[in-house]
Amino acid sequence: MAKARKTKPREQIRWRVSLMTKTPARFIDFAYAPDAETAEKRVAEEHEISKTLRNKLIAIRDDL
């Protein structure tokens, strides 16, 4: 019987999350997440950003 392959745990990447309401964008916070969508969601929940502004959040990968 063949053994099941073990999958690697997804790497946590540091994301810089900003709010795009005007120029320049307003920096909100850094977040560690596997993808940009998850980072935006975490920051929105932590900082209690309203649902109307959540579509204006942008996460940019922050390379250390």
C-alpha atoms as a PDB file:
ATOM      1  CA  MET A   1       0.000   0.000   0.000  1.00  0.00           C
ATOM      2  CA  ALA A   2       1.356   3.419  -0.984  1.00  0.00           C
ATOM      3  CA  LYS A   3       1.876   6.074   1.658  1.00  0.00           C
ATOM      4  CA  ALA A   4       0.005   9.335   1.346  1.00  0.00           C
ATOM      5  CA  ARG A   5       2.189  12.306   0.515  1.00  0.00           C
ATOM      6  CA  LYS A   6       2.551  14.864   3.229  1.00  0.00           C
ATOM      7  CA  THR A   7       1.795  18.376   2.088  1.00  0.00           C
ATOM      8  CA  LYS A   8       3.909  21.266   3.243  1.00  0.00           C
ATOM      9  CA  PRO A   9       2.193  23.762   5.504  1.00  0.00           C
ATOM     10  CA  ARG A  10       1.583  26.996   3.627  1.00  0.00           C
ATOM     11  CA  GLU A  11       4.226  29.571   4.354  1.00  0.00           C
ATOM     12  CA  GLN A  12       3.150  32.675   6.264  1.00  0.00           C
ATOM     13  CA  ILE A  13       4.105  35.749   4.245  1.00  0.00           C
ATOM     14  CA  ARG A  14       4.298  39.282   5.603  1.00  0.00           C
ATOM     15  CA  TRP A  15       1.807  41.619   3.900  1.00  0.00           C
ATOM     16  CA  ARG A  16       1.570  45.416   4.113  1.00  0.00           C
ATOM     17  CA  VAL A  17      -2.127  46.352   4.162  1.00  0.00           C
ATOM     18  CA  SER A  18      -3.240  49.854   3.160  1.00  0.00           C
ATOM     19  CA  LEU A  19      -6.551  51.608   2.641  1.00  0.00           C
ATOM     20  CA  MET A  20      -6.958  53.180  -0.808  1.00  0.00           C
ATOM     21  CA  THR A  21      -9.274  56.110  -0.088  1.00  0.00           C
ATOM     22  CA  LYS A  22      -7.038  58.881  -1.391  1.00  0.00           C
ATOM     23  CA  THR A  23      -3.506  59.475  -2.610  1.00  0.00           C
ATOM     24  CA  PRO A  24      -1.242  58.506  -0.919  1.00  0.00           C
ATOM     25  CA  ALA A  25      -2.815  55.341   0.465  1.00  0.00           C
ATOM     26  CA  ARG A  26      -3.225  55.164   4.240  1.00  0.00           C
ATOM     27  CA  PHE A  27      -1.082  52.433   5.825  1.00  0.00           C
ATOM     28  CA  ILE A  28      -3.099  50.297   8.248  1.00  0.00           C
ATOM     29  CA  ASP A  29      -0.955  47.399   9.509  1.00  0.00           C
ATOM     30  CA  PHE A  30       1.258  44.436   8.682  1.00  0.00           C
ATOM     31  CA  ALA A  31      -0.276  40.958   8.587  1.00  0.00           C
ATOM     32  CA  TYR A  32       1.159  37.453   8.328  1.00  0.00           C
ATOM     33  CA  ALA A  33      -0.965  35.292   6.043  1.00  0.00           C
ATOM     34  CA  PRO A  34      -0.604  32.754   3.211  1.00  0.00           C
ATOM     35  CA  ASP A  35      -2.238  35.084   0.643  1.00  0.00           C
ATOM     36  CA  ALA A  36      -3.311  38.709   0.131  1.00  0.00           C
ATOM     37  CA  GLU A  37      -7.033  38.069   0.538  1.00  0.00           C
ATOM     38  CA  THR A  38      -6.550  36.497   3.959  1.00  0.00           C
ATOM     39  CA  ALA A  39      -4.265  39.347   5.045  1.00  0.00           C
ATOM     40  CA  GLU A  40      -6.896  41.936   4.057  1.00  0.00           C
ATOM     41  CA  LYS A  41      -9.593  40.020   5.945  1.00  0.00           C
ATOM     42  CA  ARG A  42      -7.488  39.738   9.131  1.00  0.00           C
ATOM     43  CA  VAL A  43      -6.620  43.433   9.188  1.00  0.00           C
ATOM     44  CA  ALA A  44     -10.235  44.440   8.512  1.00  0.00           C
ATOM     45  CA  GLU A  45     -11.412  42.372  11.478  1.00  0.00           C
ATOM     46  CA  GLU A  46      -8.614  43.504  13.826  1.00  0.00           C
ATOM     47  CA  HIS A  47      -9.109  47.215  13.074  1.00  0.00           C
ATOM     48  CA  GLU A  48     -12.905  47.034  12.761  1.00  0.00           C
ATOM     49  CA  ILE A  49     -12.989  48.461   9.233  1.00  0.00           C
ATOM     50  CA  SER A  50     -16.553  48.812   7.956  1.00  0.00           C
ATOM     51  CA  LYS A  51     -17.814  46.537   5.196  1.00  0.00           C
ATOM     52  CA  THR A  52     -18.207  49.499   2.840  1.00  0.00           C
ATOM     53  CA  LEU A  53     -14.467  50.231   3.009  1.00  0.00           C
ATOM     54  CA  ARG A  54     -13.205  46.624   2.931  1.00  0.00           C
ATOM     55  CA  ASN A  55     -13.214  46.574  -0.864  1.00  0.00           C
ATOM     56  CA  LYS A  56     -10.673  49.440  -0.773  1.00  0.00           C
ATOM     57  CA  LEU A  57      -8.087  47.489   1.227  1.00  0.00           C
ATOM     58  CA  ILE A  58      -4.973  46.434  -0.648  1.00  0.00           C
ATOM     59  CA  ALA A  59      -2.301  43.984   0.516  1.00  0.00           C
ATOM     60  CA  ILE A  60       1.218  44.215  -0.915  1.00  0.00           C
ATOM     61  CA  ARG A  61       3.798  41.522  -0.240  1.00  0.00           C
ATOM     62  CA  ASP A  62       6.478  42.905   2.070  1.00  0.00           C
ATOM     63  CA  ASP A  63       9.862  41.299   1.442  1.00  0.00           C
ATOM     64  CA  LEU A  64      12.147  41.538   4.431  1.00  0.00           C
END
